[in-house]
mmCIF file of all heavy atoms, coordinates in Angstrom:
data_MODEL
# 
_entry.id   MODEL 
# 
loop_
_atom_site.group_PDB 
_atom_site.id 
_atom_site.type_symbol 
_atom_site.label_atom_id 
_atom_site.label_alt_id 
_atom_site.label_comp_id 
_atom_site.label_asym_id 
_atom_site.label_entity_id 
_atom_site.label_seq_id 
_atom_site.pdbx_PDB_ins_code 
_atom_site.Cartn_x 
_atom_site.Cartn_y 
_atom_site.Cartn_z 
_atom_site.occupancy 
_atom_site.B_iso_or_equiv 
_atom_site.pdbx_formal_charge 
_atom_site.auth_seq_id 
_atom_site.auth_comp_id 
_atom_site.auth_asym_id 
_atom_site.auth_atom_id 
_atom_site.pdbx_PDB_model_num 
ATOM 1   N N   . ARG A 1 1  ? 4.594   -4.564  -5.440  1.00 0.00 ? 1  ARG A N   1 
ATOM 2   C CA  . ARG A 1 1  ? 5.740   -3.754  -5.017  1.00 0.00 ? 1  ARG A CA  1 
ATOM 3   C C   . ARG A 1 1  ? 6.257   -4.160  -3.649  1.00 0.00 ? 1  ARG A C   1 
ATOM 4   O O   . ARG A 1 1  ? 7.418   -3.958  -3.334  1.00 0.00 ? 1  ARG A O   1 
ATOM 5   C CB  . ARG A 1 1  ? 5.369   -2.279  -4.993  1.00 0.00 ? 1  ARG A CB  1 
ATOM 6   C CG  . ARG A 1 1  ? 5.210   -1.704  -6.360  1.00 0.00 ? 1  ARG A CG  1 
ATOM 7   C CD  . ARG A 1 1  ? 4.938   -0.232  -6.304  1.00 0.00 ? 1  ARG A CD  1 
ATOM 8   N NE  . ARG A 1 1  ? 4.500   0.222   -7.610  1.00 0.00 ? 1  ARG A NE  1 
ATOM 9   C CZ  . ARG A 1 1  ? 3.767   1.266   -7.829  1.00 0.00 ? 1  ARG A CZ  1 
ATOM 10  N NH1 . ARG A 1 1  ? 3.356   2.007   -6.823  1.00 0.00 ? 1  ARG A NH1 1 
ATOM 11  N NH2 . ARG A 1 1  ? 3.406   1.603   -9.045  1.00 0.00 ? 1  ARG A NH2 1 
ATOM 12  N N   . LEU A 1 2  ? 5.389   -4.731  -2.846  1.00 0.00 ? 2  LEU A N   1 
ATOM 13  C CA  . LEU A 1 2  ? 5.777   -5.194  -1.512  1.00 0.00 ? 2  LEU A CA  1 
ATOM 14  C C   . LEU A 1 2  ? 6.315   -6.620  -1.542  1.00 0.00 ? 2  LEU A C   1 
ATOM 15  O O   . LEU A 1 2  ? 6.706   -7.153  -0.513  1.00 0.00 ? 2  LEU A O   1 
ATOM 16  C CB  . LEU A 1 2  ? 4.573   -5.132  -0.567  1.00 0.00 ? 2  LEU A CB  1 
ATOM 17  C CG  . LEU A 1 2  ? 4.004   -3.743  -0.306  1.00 0.00 ? 2  LEU A CG  1 
ATOM 18  C CD1 . LEU A 1 2  ? 2.715   -3.849  0.499   1.00 0.00 ? 2  LEU A CD1 1 
ATOM 19  C CD2 . LEU A 1 2  ? 5.027   -2.883  0.417   1.00 0.00 ? 2  LEU A CD2 1 
ATOM 20  N N   . GLY A 1 3  ? 6.305   -7.230  -2.726  1.00 0.00 ? 3  GLY A N   1 
ATOM 21  C CA  . GLY A 1 3  ? 6.782   -8.604  -2.841  1.00 0.00 ? 3  GLY A CA  1 
ATOM 22  C C   . GLY A 1 3  ? 5.774   -9.637  -2.379  1.00 0.00 ? 3  GLY A C   1 
ATOM 23  O O   . GLY A 1 3  ? 6.127   -10.793 -2.180  1.00 0.00 ? 3  GLY A O   1 
ATOM 24  N N   . ARG A 1 4  ? 4.542   -9.243  -2.260  1.00 0.00 ? 4  ARG A N   1 
ATOM 25  C CA  . ARG A 1 4  ? 3.489   -10.171 -1.824  1.00 0.00 ? 4  ARG A CA  1 
ATOM 26  C C   . ARG A 1 4  ? 2.846   -10.769 -3.077  1.00 0.00 ? 4  ARG A C   1 
ATOM 27  O O   . ARG A 1 4  ? 1.700   -10.486 -3.417  1.00 0.00 ? 4  ARG A O   1 
ATOM 28  C CB  . ARG A 1 4  ? 2.484   -9.435  -0.949  1.00 0.00 ? 4  ARG A CB  1 
ATOM 29  C CG  . ARG A 1 4  ? 3.141   -8.896  0.327   1.00 0.00 ? 4  ARG A CG  1 
ATOM 30  C CD  . ARG A 1 4  ? 2.195   -8.200  1.234   1.00 0.00 ? 4  ARG A CD  1 
ATOM 31  N NE  . ARG A 1 4  ? 1.164   -9.133  1.669   1.00 0.00 ? 4  ARG A NE  1 
ATOM 32  C CZ  . ARG A 1 4  ? -0.003  -8.757  2.183   1.00 0.00 ? 4  ARG A CZ  1 
ATOM 33  N NH1 . ARG A 1 4  ? -0.267  -7.494  2.343   1.00 0.00 ? 4  ARG A NH1 1 
ATOM 34  N NH2 . ARG A 1 4  ? -0.899  -9.657  2.530   1.00 0.00 ? 4  ARG A NH2 1 
ATOM 35  N N   . TRP A 1 5  ? 3.622   -11.599 -3.754  1.00 0.00 ? 5  TRP A N   1 
ATOM 36  C CA  . TRP A 1 5  ? 3.251   -12.090 -5.082  1.00 0.00 ? 5  TRP A CA  1 
ATOM 37  C C   . TRP A 1 5  ? 2.015   -12.959 -5.091  1.00 0.00 ? 5  TRP A C   1 
ATOM 38  O O   . TRP A 1 5  ? 1.208   -12.876 -6.009  1.00 0.00 ? 5  TRP A O   1 
ATOM 39  C CB  . TRP A 1 5  ? 4.441   -12.814 -5.714  1.00 0.00 ? 5  TRP A CB  1 
ATOM 40  C CG  . TRP A 1 5  ? 5.597   -11.893 -5.880  1.00 0.00 ? 5  TRP A CG  1 
ATOM 41  C CD1 . TRP A 1 5  ? 6.763   -11.888 -5.166  1.00 0.00 ? 5  TRP A CD1 1 
ATOM 42  C CD2 . TRP A 1 5  ? 5.684   -10.795 -6.784  1.00 0.00 ? 5  TRP A CD2 1 
ATOM 43  N NE1 . TRP A 1 5  ? 7.565   -10.846 -5.581  1.00 0.00 ? 5  TRP A NE1 1 
ATOM 44  C CE2 . TRP A 1 5  ? 6.927   -10.168 -6.582  1.00 0.00 ? 5  TRP A CE2 1 
ATOM 45  C CE3 . TRP A 1 5  ? 4.826   -10.277 -7.756  1.00 0.00 ? 5  TRP A CE3 1 
ATOM 46  C CZ2 . TRP A 1 5  ? 7.343   -9.069  -7.311  1.00 0.00 ? 5  TRP A CZ2 1 
ATOM 47  C CZ3 . TRP A 1 5  ? 5.241   -9.180  -8.482  1.00 0.00 ? 5  TRP A CZ3 1 
ATOM 48  C CH2 . TRP A 1 5  ? 6.479   -8.588  -8.262  1.00 0.00 ? 5  TRP A CH2 1 
ATOM 49  N N   . LYS A 1 6  ? 1.863   -13.802 -4.091  1.00 0.00 ? 6  LYS A N   1 
ATOM 50  C CA  . LYS A 1 6  ? 0.700   -14.691 -4.061  1.00 0.00 ? 6  LYS A CA  1 
ATOM 51  C C   . LYS A 1 6  ? -0.594  -13.884 -3.903  1.00 0.00 ? 6  LYS A C   1 
ATOM 52  O O   . LYS A 1 6  ? -1.587  -14.142 -4.589  1.00 0.00 ? 6  LYS A O   1 
ATOM 53  C CB  . LYS A 1 6  ? 0.842   -15.714 -2.934  1.00 0.00 ? 6  LYS A CB  1 
ATOM 54  C CG  . LYS A 1 6  ? -0.160  -16.823 -2.994  1.00 0.00 ? 6  LYS A CG  1 
ATOM 55  C CD  . LYS A 1 6  ? 0.172   -17.918 -2.008  1.00 0.00 ? 6  LYS A CD  1 
ATOM 56  C CE  . LYS A 1 6  ? -0.778  -19.077 -2.207  1.00 0.00 ? 6  LYS A CE  1 
ATOM 57  N NZ  . LYS A 1 6  ? -0.415  -20.217 -1.381  1.00 0.00 ? 6  LYS A NZ  1 
ATOM 58  N N   . VAL A 1 7  ? -0.574  -12.905 -3.037  1.00 0.00 ? 7  VAL A N   1 
ATOM 59  C CA  . VAL A 1 7  ? -1.748  -12.057 -2.823  1.00 0.00 ? 7  VAL A CA  1 
ATOM 60  C C   . VAL A 1 7  ? -1.988  -11.192 -4.059  1.00 0.00 ? 7  VAL A C   1 
ATOM 61  O O   . VAL A 1 7  ? -3.130  -10.982 -4.472  1.00 0.00 ? 7  VAL A O   1 
ATOM 62  C CB  . VAL A 1 7  ? -1.577  -11.196 -1.554  1.00 0.00 ? 7  VAL A CB  1 
ATOM 63  C CG1 . VAL A 1 7  ? -2.791  -10.323 -1.319  1.00 0.00 ? 7  VAL A CG1 1 
ATOM 64  C CG2 . VAL A 1 7  ? -1.327  -12.079 -0.340  1.00 0.00 ? 7  VAL A CG2 1 
ATOM 65  N N   . ALA A 1 8  ? -0.898  -10.701 -4.660  1.00 0.00 ? 8  ALA A N   1 
ATOM 66  C CA  . ALA A 1 8  ? -1.024  -9.889  -5.879  1.00 0.00 ? 8  ALA A CA  1 
ATOM 67  C C   . ALA A 1 8  ? -1.648  -10.718 -7.001  1.00 0.00 ? 8  ALA A C   1 
ATOM 68  O O   . ALA A 1 8  ? -2.536  -10.234 -7.709  1.00 0.00 ? 8  ALA A O   1 
ATOM 69  C CB  . ALA A 1 8  ? 0.340   -9.367  -6.305  1.00 0.00 ? 8  ALA A CB  1 
ATOM 70  N N   . GLU A 1 9  ? -1.184  -11.947 -7.169  1.00 0.00 ? 9  GLU A N   1 
ATOM 71  C CA  . GLU A 1 9  ? -1.733  -12.812 -8.224  1.00 0.00 ? 9  GLU A CA  1 
ATOM 72  C C   . GLU A 1 9  ? -3.223  -13.029 -8.024  1.00 0.00 ? 9  GLU A C   1 
ATOM 73  O O   . GLU A 1 9  ? -4.005  -12.977 -8.965  1.00 0.00 ? 9  GLU A O   1 
ATOM 74  C CB  . GLU A 1 9  ? -0.980  -14.146 -8.260  1.00 0.00 ? 9  GLU A CB  1 
ATOM 75  C CG  . GLU A 1 9  ? -1.258  -14.980 -9.491  1.00 0.00 ? 9  GLU A CG  1 
ATOM 76  C CD  . GLU A 1 9  ? -2.488  -15.858 -9.387  1.00 0.00 ? 9  GLU A CD  1 
ATOM 77  O OE1 . GLU A 1 9  ? -2.838  -16.232 -8.258  1.00 0.00 ? 9  GLU A OE1 1 
ATOM 78  O OE2 . GLU A 1 9  ? -3.082  -16.174 -10.433 1.00 0.00 ? 9  GLU A OE2 1 
ATOM 79  N N   . ALA A 1 10 ? -3.640  -13.229 -6.788  1.00 0.00 ? 10 ALA A N   1 
ATOM 80  C CA  . ALA A 1 10 ? -5.064  -13.407 -6.490  1.00 0.00 ? 10 ALA A CA  1 
ATOM 81  C C   . ALA A 1 10 ? -5.850  -12.131 -6.804  1.00 0.00 ? 10 ALA A C   1 
ATOM 82  O O   . ALA A 1 10 ? -6.976  -12.197 -7.315  1.00 0.00 ? 10 ALA A O   1 
ATOM 83  C CB  . ALA A 1 10 ? -5.253  -13.805 -5.023  1.00 0.00 ? 10 ALA A CB  1 
ATOM 84  N N   . ALA A 1 11 ? -5.249  -10.984 -6.533  1.00 0.00 ? 11 ALA A N   1 
ATOM 85  C CA  . ALA A 1 11 ? -5.916  -9.713  -6.830  1.00 0.00 ? 11 ALA A CA  1 
ATOM 86  C C   . ALA A 1 11 ? -6.070  -9.518  -8.336  1.00 0.00 ? 11 ALA A C   1 
ATOM 87  O O   . ALA A 1 11 ? -7.104  -9.039  -8.805  1.00 0.00 ? 11 ALA A O   1 
ATOM 88  C CB  . ALA A 1 11 ? -5.133  -8.557  -6.223  1.00 0.00 ? 11 ALA A CB  1 
ATOM 89  N N   . TYR A 1 12 ? -5.051  -9.900  -9.112  1.00 0.00 ? 12 TYR A N   1 
ATOM 90  C CA  . TYR A 1 12 ? -5.153  -9.789  -10.569 1.00 0.00 ? 12 TYR A CA  1 
ATOM 91  C C   . TYR A 1 12 ? -6.248  -10.718 -11.099 1.00 0.00 ? 12 TYR A C   1 
ATOM 92  O O   . TYR A 1 12 ? -7.011  -10.339 -11.988 1.00 0.00 ? 12 TYR A O   1 
ATOM 93  C CB  . TYR A 1 12 ? -3.816  -10.106 -11.239 1.00 0.00 ? 12 TYR A CB  1 
ATOM 94  C CG  . TYR A 1 12 ? -2.720  -9.127  -10.881 1.00 0.00 ? 12 TYR A CG  1 
ATOM 95  C CD1 . TYR A 1 12 ? -1.460  -9.575  -10.513 1.00 0.00 ? 12 TYR A CD1 1 
ATOM 96  C CD2 . TYR A 1 12 ? -2.939  -7.752  -10.905 1.00 0.00 ? 12 TYR A CD2 1 
ATOM 97  C CE1 . TYR A 1 12 ? -0.453  -8.684  -10.184 1.00 0.00 ? 12 TYR A CE1 1 
ATOM 98  C CE2 . TYR A 1 12 ? -1.936  -6.856  -10.567 1.00 0.00 ? 12 TYR A CE2 1 
ATOM 99  C CZ  . TYR A 1 12 ? -0.691  -7.327  -10.215 1.00 0.00 ? 12 TYR A CZ  1 
ATOM 100 O OH  . TYR A 1 12 ? 0.298   -6.446  -9.888  1.00 0.00 ? 12 TYR A OH  1 
ATOM 101 N N   . ALA A 1 13 ? -6.322  -11.906 -10.541 1.00 0.00 ? 13 ALA A N   1 
ATOM 102 C CA  . ALA A 1 13 ? -7.370  -12.839 -10.965 1.00 0.00 ? 13 ALA A CA  1 
ATOM 103 C C   . ALA A 1 13 ? -8.754  -12.274 -10.644 1.00 0.00 ? 13 ALA A C   1 
ATOM 104 O O   . ALA A 1 13 ? -9.692  -12.414 -11.439 1.00 0.00 ? 13 ALA A O   1 
ATOM 105 C CB  . ALA A 1 13 ? -7.172  -14.194 -10.286 1.00 0.00 ? 13 ALA A CB  1 
ATOM 106 N N   . LYS A 1 14 ? -8.866  -11.617 -9.510  1.00 0.00 ? 14 LYS A N   1 
ATOM 107 C CA  . LYS A 1 14 ? -10.142 -11.019 -9.124  1.00 0.00 ? 14 LYS A CA  1 
ATOM 108 C C   . LYS A 1 14 ? -10.488 -9.822  -10.015 1.00 0.00 ? 14 LYS A C   1 
ATOM 109 O O   . LYS A 1 14 ? -11.660 -9.584  -10.324 1.00 0.00 ? 14 LYS A O   1 
ATOM 110 C CB  . LYS A 1 14 ? -10.066 -10.579 -7.660  1.00 0.00 ? 14 LYS A CB  1 
ATOM 111 C CG  . LYS A 1 14 ? -11.373 -10.125 -7.093  1.00 0.00 ? 14 LYS A CG  1 
ATOM 112 C CD  . LYS A 1 14 ? -11.241 -9.820  -5.609  1.00 0.00 ? 14 LYS A CD  1 
ATOM 113 C CE  . LYS A 1 14 ? -12.552 -9.347  -5.031  1.00 0.00 ? 14 LYS A CE  1 
ATOM 114 N NZ  . LYS A 1 14 ? -12.457 -9.032  -3.602  1.00 0.00 ? 14 LYS A NZ  1 
ATOM 115 N N   . ALA A 1 15 ? -9.468  -9.081  -10.454 1.00 0.00 ? 15 ALA A N   1 
ATOM 116 C CA  . ALA A 1 15 ? -9.684  -7.911  -11.305 1.00 0.00 ? 15 ALA A CA  1 
ATOM 117 C C   . ALA A 1 15 ? -10.013 -8.288  -12.744 1.00 0.00 ? 15 ALA A C   1 
ATOM 118 O O   . ALA A 1 15 ? -10.624 -7.498  -13.465 1.00 0.00 ? 15 ALA A O   1 
ATOM 119 C CB  . ALA A 1 15 ? -8.448  -7.020  -11.290 1.00 0.00 ? 15 ALA A CB  1 
ATOM 120 N N   . TYR A 1 16 ? -9.633  -9.473  -13.156 1.00 0.00 ? 16 TYR A N   1 
ATOM 121 C CA  . TYR A 1 16 ? -9.799  -9.884  -14.547 1.00 0.00 ? 16 TYR A CA  1 
ATOM 122 C C   . TYR A 1 16 ? -11.229 -9.693  -15.077 1.00 0.00 ? 16 TYR A C   1 
ATOM 123 O O   . TYR A 1 16 ? -11.397 -9.134  -16.159 1.00 0.00 ? 16 TYR A O   1 
ATOM 124 C CB  . TYR A 1 16 ? -9.344  -11.332 -14.732 1.00 0.00 ? 16 TYR A CB  1 
ATOM 125 C CG  . TYR A 1 16 ? -9.634  -11.862 -16.105 1.00 0.00 ? 16 TYR A CG  1 
ATOM 126 C CD1 . TYR A 1 16 ? -8.875  -11.451 -17.200 1.00 0.00 ? 16 TYR A CD1 1 
ATOM 127 C CD2 . TYR A 1 16 ? -10.674 -12.748 -16.322 1.00 0.00 ? 16 TYR A CD2 1 
ATOM 128 C CE1 . TYR A 1 16 ? -9.149  -11.922 -18.472 1.00 0.00 ? 16 TYR A CE1 1 
ATOM 129 C CE2 . TYR A 1 16 ? -10.948 -13.226 -17.587 1.00 0.00 ? 16 TYR A CE2 1 
ATOM 130 C CZ  . TYR A 1 16 ? -10.189 -12.800 -18.655 1.00 0.00 ? 16 TYR A CZ  1 
ATOM 131 O OH  . TYR A 1 16 ? -10.466 -13.261 -19.914 1.00 0.00 ? 16 TYR A OH  1 
ATOM 132 N N   . PRO A 1 17 ? -12.281 -10.107 -14.360 1.00 0.00 ? 17 PRO A N   1 
ATOM 133 C CA  . PRO A 1 17 ? -13.636 -9.905  -14.896 1.00 0.00 ? 17 PRO A CA  1 
ATOM 134 C C   . PRO A 1 17 ? -13.999 -8.433  -15.101 1.00 0.00 ? 17 PRO A C   1 
ATOM 135 O O   . PRO A 1 17 ? -14.855 -8.110  -15.919 1.00 0.00 ? 17 PRO A O   1 
ATOM 136 C CB  . PRO A 1 17 ? -14.551 -10.540 -13.846 1.00 0.00 ? 17 PRO A CB  1 
ATOM 137 C CG  . PRO A 1 17 ? -13.698 -11.473 -13.082 1.00 0.00 ? 17 PRO A CG  1 
ATOM 138 C CD  . PRO A 1 17 ? -12.321 -10.871 -13.111 1.00 0.00 ? 17 PRO A CD  1 
ATOM 139 N N   . LEU A 1 18 ? -13.334 -7.542  -14.373 1.00 0.00 ? 18 LEU A N   1 
ATOM 140 C CA  . LEU A 1 18 ? -13.620 -6.118  -14.488 1.00 0.00 ? 18 LEU A CA  1 
ATOM 141 C C   . LEU A 1 18 ? -12.927 -5.465  -15.681 1.00 0.00 ? 18 LEU A C   1 
ATOM 142 O O   . LEU A 1 18 ? -13.410 -4.460  -16.198 1.00 0.00 ? 18 LEU A O   1 
ATOM 143 C CB  . LEU A 1 18 ? -13.194 -5.401  -13.202 1.00 0.00 ? 18 LEU A CB  1 
ATOM 144 C CG  . LEU A 1 18 ? -13.844 -5.920  -11.917 1.00 0.00 ? 18 LEU A CG  1 
ATOM 145 C CD1 . LEU A 1 18 ? -13.218 -5.253  -10.705 1.00 0.00 ? 18 LEU A CD1 1 
ATOM 146 C CD2 . LEU A 1 18 ? -15.347 -5.679  -11.956 1.00 0.00 ? 18 LEU A CD2 1 
ATOM 147 N N   . ALA A 1 19 ? -11.787 -6.028  -16.101 1.00 0.00 ? 19 ALA A N   1 
ATOM 148 C CA  . ALA A 1 19 ? -11.017 -5.420  -17.197 1.00 0.00 ? 19 ALA A CA  1 
ATOM 149 C C   . ALA A 1 19 ? -10.301 -6.495  -18.016 1.00 0.00 ? 19 ALA A C   1 
ATOM 150 O O   . ALA A 1 19 ? -9.078  -6.507  -18.099 1.00 0.00 ? 19 ALA A O   1 
ATOM 151 C CB  . ALA A 1 19 ? -10.018 -4.428  -16.634 1.00 0.00 ? 19 ALA A CB  1 
ATOM 152 N N   . PRO A 1 20 ? -11.044 -7.402  -18.631 1.00 0.00 ? 20 PRO A N   1 
ATOM 153 C CA  . PRO A 1 20 ? -10.408 -8.526  -19.326 1.00 0.00 ? 20 PRO A CA  1 
ATOM 154 C C   . PRO A 1 20 ? -9.587  -8.138  -20.554 1.00 0.00 ? 20 PRO A C   1 
ATOM 155 O O   . PRO A 1 20 ? -8.708  -8.885  -20.961 1.00 0.00 ? 20 PRO A O   1 
ATOM 156 C CB  . PRO A 1 20 ? -11.593 -9.405  -19.727 1.00 0.00 ? 20 PRO A CB  1 
ATOM 157 C CG  . PRO A 1 20 ? -12.746 -8.464  -19.801 1.00 0.00 ? 20 PRO A CG  1 
ATOM 158 C CD  . PRO A 1 20 ? -12.489 -7.436  -18.732 1.00 0.00 ? 20 PRO A CD  1 
ATOM 159 N N   . LYS A 1 21 ? -9.825  -6.950  -21.106 1.00 0.00 ? 21 LYS A N   1 
ATOM 160 C CA  . LYS A 1 21 ? -9.113  -6.539  -22.316 1.00 0.00 ? 21 LYS A CA  1 
ATOM 161 C C   . LYS A 1 21 ? -8.004  -5.527  -22.045 1.00 0.00 ? 21 LYS A C   1 
ATOM 162 O O   . LYS A 1 21 ? -7.450  -4.952  -22.970 1.00 0.00 ? 21 LYS A O   1 
ATOM 163 C CB  . LYS A 1 21 ? -10.103 -5.967  -23.337 1.00 0.00 ? 21 LYS A CB  1 
ATOM 164 C CG  . LYS A 1 21 ? -11.078 -7.011  -23.820 1.00 0.00 ? 21 LYS A CG  1 
ATOM 165 C CD  . LYS A 1 21 ? -12.017 -6.443  -24.839 1.00 0.00 ? 21 LYS A CD  1 
ATOM 166 C CE  . LYS A 1 21 ? -13.000 -7.532  -25.282 1.00 0.00 ? 21 LYS A CE  1 
ATOM 167 N NZ  . LYS A 1 21 ? -13.944 -7.018  -26.267 1.00 0.00 ? 21 LYS A NZ  1 
ATOM 168 N N   . TRP A 1 22 ? -7.673  -5.310  -20.783 1.00 0.00 ? 22 TRP A N   1 
ATOM 169 C CA  . TRP A 1 22 ? -6.614  -4.373  -20.433 1.00 0.00 ? 22 TRP A CA  1 
ATOM 170 C C   . TRP A 1 22 ? -5.286  -5.124  -20.394 1.00 0.00 ? 22 TRP A C   1 
ATOM 171 O O   . TRP A 1 22 ? -5.063  -5.983  -19.546 1.00 0.00 ? 22 TRP A O   1 
ATOM 172 C CB  . TRP A 1 22 ? -6.911  -3.717  -19.098 1.00 0.00 ? 22 TRP A CB  1 
ATOM 173 C CG  . TRP A 1 22 ? -5.847  -2.764  -18.645 1.00 0.00 ? 22 TRP A CG  1 
ATOM 174 C CD1 . TRP A 1 22 ? -5.061  -1.964  -19.428 1.00 0.00 ? 22 TRP A CD1 1 
ATOM 175 C CD2 . TRP A 1 22 ? -5.440  -2.524  -17.300 1.00 0.00 ? 22 TRP A CD2 1 
ATOM 176 N NE1 . TRP A 1 22 ? -4.206  -1.244  -18.654 1.00 0.00 ? 22 TRP A NE1 1 
ATOM 177 C CE2 . TRP A 1 22 ? -4.416  -1.563  -17.347 1.00 0.00 ? 22 TRP A CE2 1 
ATOM 178 C CE3 . TRP A 1 22 ? -5.854  -3.017  -16.080 1.00 0.00 ? 22 TRP A CE3 1 
ATOM 179 C CZ2 . TRP A 1 22 ? -3.793  -1.097  -16.204 1.00 0.00 ? 22 TRP A CZ2 1 
ATOM 180 C CZ3 . TRP A 1 22 ? -5.239  -2.546  -14.955 1.00 0.00 ? 22 TRP A CZ3 1 
ATOM 181 C CH2 . TRP A 1 22 ? -4.226  -1.593  -15.021 1.00 0.00 ? 22 TRP A CH2 1 
ATOM 182 N N   . GLY A 1 23 ? -4.410  -4.806  -21.320 1.00 0.00 ? 23 GLY A N   1 
ATOM 183 C CA  . GLY A 1 23 ? -3.121  -5.482  -21.415 1.00 0.00 ? 23 GLY A CA  1 
ATOM 184 C C   . GLY A 1 23 ? -2.264  -5.327  -20.178 1.00 0.00 ? 23 GLY A C   1 
ATOM 185 O O   . GLY A 1 23 ? -1.536  -6.241  -19.800 1.00 0.00 ? 23 GLY A O   1 
ATOM 186 N N   . GLY A 1 24 ? -2.345  -4.163  -19.532 1.00 0.00 ? 24 GLY A N   1 
ATOM 187 C CA  . GLY A 1 24 ? -1.539  -3.932  -18.336 1.00 0.00 ? 24 GLY A CA  1 
ATOM 188 C C   . GLY A 1 24 ? -1.830  -4.924  -17.224 1.00 0.00 ? 24 GLY A C   1 
ATOM 189 O O   . GLY A 1 24 ? -0.923  -5.336  -16.496 1.00 0.00 ? 24 GLY A O   1 
ATOM 190 N N   . LEU A 1 25 ? -3.068  -5.309  -17.104 1.00 0.00 ? 25 LEU A N   1 
ATOM 191 C CA  . LEU A 1 25 ? -3.439  -6.316  -16.108 1.00 0.00 ? 25 LEU A CA  1 
ATOM 192 C C   . LEU A 1 25 ? -2.711  -7.623  -16.399 1.00 0.00 ? 25 LEU A C   1 
ATOM 193 O O   . LEU A 1 25 ? -2.138  -8.244  -15.508 1.00 0.00 ? 25 LEU A O   1 
ATOM 194 C CB  . LEU A 1 25 ? -4.953  -6.541  -16.101 1.00 0.00 ? 25 LEU A CB  1 
ATOM 195 C CG  . LEU A 1 25 ? -5.458  -7.719  -15.271 1.00 0.00 ? 25 LEU A CG  1 
ATOM 196 C CD1 . LEU A 1 25 ? -5.167  -7.521  -13.791 1.00 0.00 ? 25 LEU A CD1 1 
ATOM 197 C CD2 . LEU A 1 25 ? -6.939  -7.922  -15.499 1.00 0.00 ? 25 LEU A CD2 1 
ATOM 198 N N   . HIS A 1 26 ? -2.705  -8.011  -17.660 1.00 0.00 ? 26 HIS A N   1 
ATOM 199 C CA  . HIS A 1 26 ? -2.060  -9.276  -18.038 1.00 0.00 ? 26 HIS A CA  1 
ATOM 200 C C   . HIS A 1 26 ? -0.543  -9.207  -17.881 1.00 0.00 ? 26 HIS A C   1 
ATOM 201 O O   . HIS A 1 26 ? 0.084   -10.198 -17.503 1.00 0.00 ? 26 HIS A O   1 
ATOM 202 C CB  . HIS A 1 26 ? -2.458  -9.654  -19.460 1.00 0.00 ? 26 HIS A CB  1 
ATOM 203 C CG  . HIS A 1 26 ? -3.906  -10.000 -19.581 1.00 0.00 ? 26 HIS A CG  1 
ATOM 204 N ND1 . HIS A 1 26 ? -4.392  -11.257 -19.332 1.00 0.00 ? 26 HIS A ND1 1 
ATOM 205 C CD2 . HIS A 1 26 ? -4.977  -9.240  -19.898 1.00 0.00 ? 26 HIS A CD2 1 
ATOM 206 C CE1 . HIS A 1 26 ? -5.700  -11.272 -19.498 1.00 0.00 ? 26 HIS A CE1 1 
ATOM 207 N NE2 . HIS A 1 26 ? -6.077  -10.041 -19.849 1.00 0.00 ? 26 HIS A NE2 1 
# 
């Protein structure tokens, strides 16, 4: 929401192992 896309992308990659089957993450 802040437009910090690179940091957001890294956060999503970090969250992936915690919720790999959550469509919203993808």
